[in-house]
Amino acid sequence: MKLINAPINETLYILNYTGGKGVASKLRQLGLCPGRKTKVLRYAPMGGPVMVEVGGRSVAIGRGIAARIEVEKI
């Protein structure tokens, strides 16, 4: 499933993501790499960003980026 469709407060395992070098670089900087665990904290209203927890910290990512990240429930 895609991160944008993931349920809130479920522990997820990042499998892969699609996109170019810019997307890959941005996700690595945020700690959202394949093999890491994450969870969706909340979806901001009106098309706002998705708040995720990764590595013990909260990170906001855009919905377009979240739609490119493939995850699975643990």
N, C-alpha and C. Protein backbone atom coordinates (compact mmCIF):
# COMPACT_ATOMS: atom_id res chain seq x y z
N MET A 1 0.85 -1.17 0.00
CA MET A 1 0.00 0.00 0.00
C MET A 1 0.90 1.24 0.00
N LYS A 2 0.35 2.34 -0.41
CA LYS A 2 1.08 3.60 -0.40
C LYS A 2 0.93 4.28 0.96
N LEU A 3 1.92 5.05 1.35
CA LEU A 3 1.90 5.75 2.64
C LEU A 3 0.70 6.68 2.75
N ILE A 4 0.29 7.28 1.66
CA ILE A 4 -0.85 8.19 1.67
C ILE A 4 -2.15 7.49 2.06
N ASN A 5 -2.22 6.18 1.87
CA ASN A 5 -3.41 5.39 2.18
C ASN A 5 -3.30 4.62 3.49
N ALA A 6 -2.20 4.76 4.20
CA ALA A 6 -1.96 3.98 5.42
C ALA A 6 -2.81 4.49 6.57
N PRO A 7 -3.23 3.58 7.45
CA PRO A 7 -4.00 3.99 8.62
C PRO A 7 -3.13 4.73 9.63
N ILE A 8 -3.76 5.56 10.43
CA ILE A 8 -3.04 6.35 11.44
C ILE A 8 -2.63 5.44 12.59
N ASN A 9 -1.44 5.69 13.13
CA ASN A 9 -0.87 5.01 14.30
C ASN A 9 -0.60 3.52 14.11
N GLU A 10 -0.44 3.07 12.88
CA GLU A 10 -0.03 1.69 12.60
C GLU A 10 1.46 1.71 12.29
N THR A 11 2.21 0.77 12.84
CA THR A 11 3.63 0.67 12.53
C THR A 11 3.77 0.11 11.12
N LEU A 12 4.57 0.79 10.31
CA LEU A 12 4.73 0.45 8.90
C LEU A 12 6.20 0.24 8.58
N TYR A 13 6.45 -0.58 7.60
CA TYR A 13 7.79 -0.86 7.11
C TYR A 13 7.90 -0.27 5.71
N ILE A 14 8.90 0.57 5.48
CA ILE A 14 9.07 1.19 4.17
C ILE A 14 9.72 0.18 3.23
N LEU A 15 9.04 -0.11 2.13
CA LEU A 15 9.54 -1.07 1.16
C LEU A 15 10.35 -0.41 0.06
N ASN A 16 9.78 0.64 -0.53
CA ASN A 16 10.41 1.27 -1.69
C ASN A 16 9.73 2.60 -1.96
N TYR A 17 10.29 3.37 -2.86
CA TYR A 17 9.64 4.60 -3.32
C TYR A 17 10.00 4.83 -4.77
N THR A 18 9.15 5.58 -5.45
CA THR A 18 9.39 5.88 -6.85
C THR A 18 9.71 7.36 -6.97
N GLY A 19 10.43 7.70 -8.01
CA GLY A 19 10.79 9.09 -8.24
C GLY A 19 12.24 9.20 -8.65
N GLY A 20 12.64 10.40 -8.95
CA GLY A 20 14.00 10.65 -9.39
C GLY A 20 14.98 10.86 -8.25
N LYS A 21 16.14 11.38 -8.60
CA LYS A 21 17.20 11.61 -7.61
C LYS A 21 16.79 12.63 -6.56
N GLY A 22 16.01 13.62 -6.95
CA GLY A 22 15.56 14.64 -6.00
C GLY A 22 14.67 14.06 -4.92
N VAL A 23 13.75 13.19 -5.30
CA VAL A 23 12.86 12.55 -4.34
C VAL A 23 13.66 11.65 -3.42
N ALA A 24 14.54 10.85 -3.99
CA ALA A 24 15.36 9.93 -3.19
C ALA A 24 16.23 10.69 -2.20
N SER A 25 16.83 11.78 -2.63
CA SER A 25 17.69 12.58 -1.76
C SER A 25 16.89 13.18 -0.61
N LYS A 26 15.74 13.75 -0.91
CA LYS A 26 14.90 14.37 0.11
C LYS A 26 14.44 13.34 1.14
N LEU A 27 14.02 12.18 0.68
CA LEU A 27 13.56 11.15 1.60
C LEU A 27 14.70 10.62 2.48
N ARG A 28 15.88 10.48 1.91
CA ARG A 28 17.04 10.05 2.72
C ARG A 28 17.37 11.08 3.78
N GLN A 29 17.31 12.37 3.44
CA GLN A 29 17.57 13.42 4.42
C GLN A 29 16.58 13.37 5.58
N LEU A 30 15.35 13.00 5.29
CA LEU A 30 14.32 12.92 6.32
C LEU A 30 14.35 11.59 7.08
N GLY A 31 15.16 10.64 6.63
CA GLY A 31 15.25 9.35 7.29
C GLY A 31 14.25 8.33 6.80
N LEU A 32 13.55 8.63 5.71
CA LEU A 32 12.55 7.73 5.16
C LEU A 32 13.18 6.85 4.08
N CYS A 33 13.96 5.89 4.52
CA CYS A 33 14.68 4.99 3.61
C CYS A 33 14.04 3.61 3.65
N PRO A 34 14.15 2.86 2.56
CA PRO A 34 13.66 1.47 2.58
C PRO A 34 14.31 0.70 3.73
N GLY A 35 13.49 -0.08 4.42
CA GLY A 35 13.98 -0.85 5.55
C GLY A 35 13.71 -0.21 6.90
N ARG A 36 13.31 1.04 6.92
CA ARG A 36 13.02 1.76 8.18
C ARG A 36 11.56 1.58 8.57
N LYS A 37 11.30 1.73 9.85
CA LYS A 37 9.94 1.70 10.35
C LYS A 37 9.43 3.13 10.48
N THR A 38 8.14 3.30 10.24
CA THR A 38 7.51 4.60 10.35
C THR A 38 6.06 4.42 10.75
N LYS A 39 5.39 5.50 11.08
CA LYS A 39 3.95 5.47 11.31
C LYS A 39 3.37 6.84 10.99
N VAL A 40 2.15 6.84 10.48
CA VAL A 40 1.45 8.08 10.17
C VAL A 40 0.86 8.62 11.46
N LEU A 41 1.18 9.85 11.79
CA LEU A 41 0.64 10.48 12.99
C LEU A 41 -0.68 11.18 12.70
N ARG A 42 -0.74 11.88 11.55
CA ARG A 42 -1.98 12.55 11.18
C ARG A 42 -1.90 13.04 9.75
N TYR A 43 -3.08 13.22 9.18
CA TYR A 43 -3.23 13.83 7.86
C TYR A 43 -3.79 15.23 8.07
N ALA A 44 -3.08 16.24 7.63
CA ALA A 44 -3.56 17.61 7.77
C ALA A 44 -4.78 17.80 6.87
N PRO A 45 -5.73 18.61 7.30
CA PRO A 45 -6.94 18.82 6.49
C PRO A 45 -6.68 19.64 5.23
N MET A 46 -7.61 19.55 4.31
CA MET A 46 -7.61 20.36 3.09
C MET A 46 -6.38 20.16 2.23
N GLY A 47 -5.92 18.92 2.12
CA GLY A 47 -4.79 18.61 1.25
C GLY A 47 -3.45 19.00 1.80
N GLY A 48 -3.37 19.22 3.11
CA GLY A 48 -2.10 19.59 3.75
C GLY A 48 -1.16 18.40 3.86
N PRO A 49 -0.03 18.59 4.52
CA PRO A 49 0.98 17.54 4.60
C PRO A 49 0.57 16.37 5.49
N VAL A 50 1.34 15.30 5.37
CA VAL A 50 1.17 14.10 6.17
C VAL A 50 2.28 14.13 7.24
N MET A 51 1.89 13.99 8.50
CA MET A 51 2.87 13.94 9.59
C MET A 51 3.20 12.48 9.86
N VAL A 52 4.48 12.14 9.77
CA VAL A 52 4.92 10.77 10.04
C VAL A 52 5.99 10.79 11.12
N GLU A 53 6.11 9.68 11.81
CA GLU A 53 7.18 9.52 12.79
C GLU A 53 8.19 8.55 12.22
N VAL A 54 9.43 8.95 12.24
CA VAL A 54 10.51 8.07 11.78
C VAL A 54 11.74 8.35 12.63
N GLY A 55 12.34 7.32 13.15
CA GLY A 55 13.54 7.48 13.97
C GLY A 55 13.29 8.29 15.22
N GLY A 56 12.09 8.25 15.78
CA GLY A 56 11.79 8.96 17.01
C GLY A 56 11.48 10.44 16.85
N ARG A 57 11.34 10.90 15.62
CA ARG A 57 10.99 12.32 15.42
C ARG A 57 9.87 12.44 14.41
N SER A 58 9.17 13.56 14.47
CA SER A 58 8.06 13.82 13.57
C SER A 58 8.54 14.59 12.35
N VAL A 59 8.05 14.18 11.20
CA VAL A 59 8.43 14.80 9.93
C VAL A 59 7.16 15.05 9.12
N ALA A 60 7.06 16.21 8.50
CA ALA A 60 5.94 16.52 7.61
C ALA A 60 6.39 16.34 6.17
N ILE A 61 5.61 15.58 5.42
CA ILE A 61 5.90 15.40 3.99
C ILE A 61 4.63 15.70 3.20
N GLY A 62 4.81 16.16 1.99
CA GLY A 62 3.68 16.47 1.14
C GLY A 62 2.94 15.21 0.70
N ARG A 63 1.69 15.37 0.35
CA ARG A 63 0.88 14.23 -0.07
C ARG A 63 1.40 13.61 -1.36
N GLY A 64 1.97 14.41 -2.25
CA GLY A 64 2.53 13.88 -3.48
C GLY A 64 3.70 12.94 -3.22
N ILE A 65 4.54 13.32 -2.28
CA ILE A 65 5.66 12.45 -1.90
C ILE A 65 5.15 11.21 -1.19
N ALA A 66 4.18 11.38 -0.28
CA ALA A 66 3.62 10.24 0.46
C ALA A 66 2.99 9.22 -0.50
N ALA A 67 2.47 9.69 -1.62
CA ALA A 67 1.86 8.79 -2.60
C ALA A 67 2.91 7.97 -3.35
N ARG A 68 4.17 8.34 -3.24
CA ARG A 68 5.24 7.62 -3.92
C ARG A 68 5.93 6.58 -3.04
N ILE A 69 5.62 6.57 -1.74
CA ILE A 69 6.29 5.67 -0.80
C ILE A 69 5.43 4.43 -0.58
N GLU A 70 6.00 3.28 -0.86
CA GLU A 70 5.29 2.02 -0.67
C GLU A 70 5.65 1.43 0.68
N VAL A 71 4.64 1.06 1.46
CA VAL A 71 4.82 0.54 2.81
C VAL A 71 3.99 -0.72 3.00
N GLU A 72 4.29 -1.45 4.09
CA GLU A 72 3.46 -2.58 4.49
C GLU A 72 3.32 -2.55 6.00
N LYS A 73 2.18 -3.05 6.50
CA LYS A 73 1.95 -3.13 7.94
C LYS A 73 2.86 -4.21 8.53
N ILE A 74 3.30 -3.94 9.74
CA ILE A 74 4.12 -4.94 10.45
C ILE A 74 3.20 -5.74 11.35
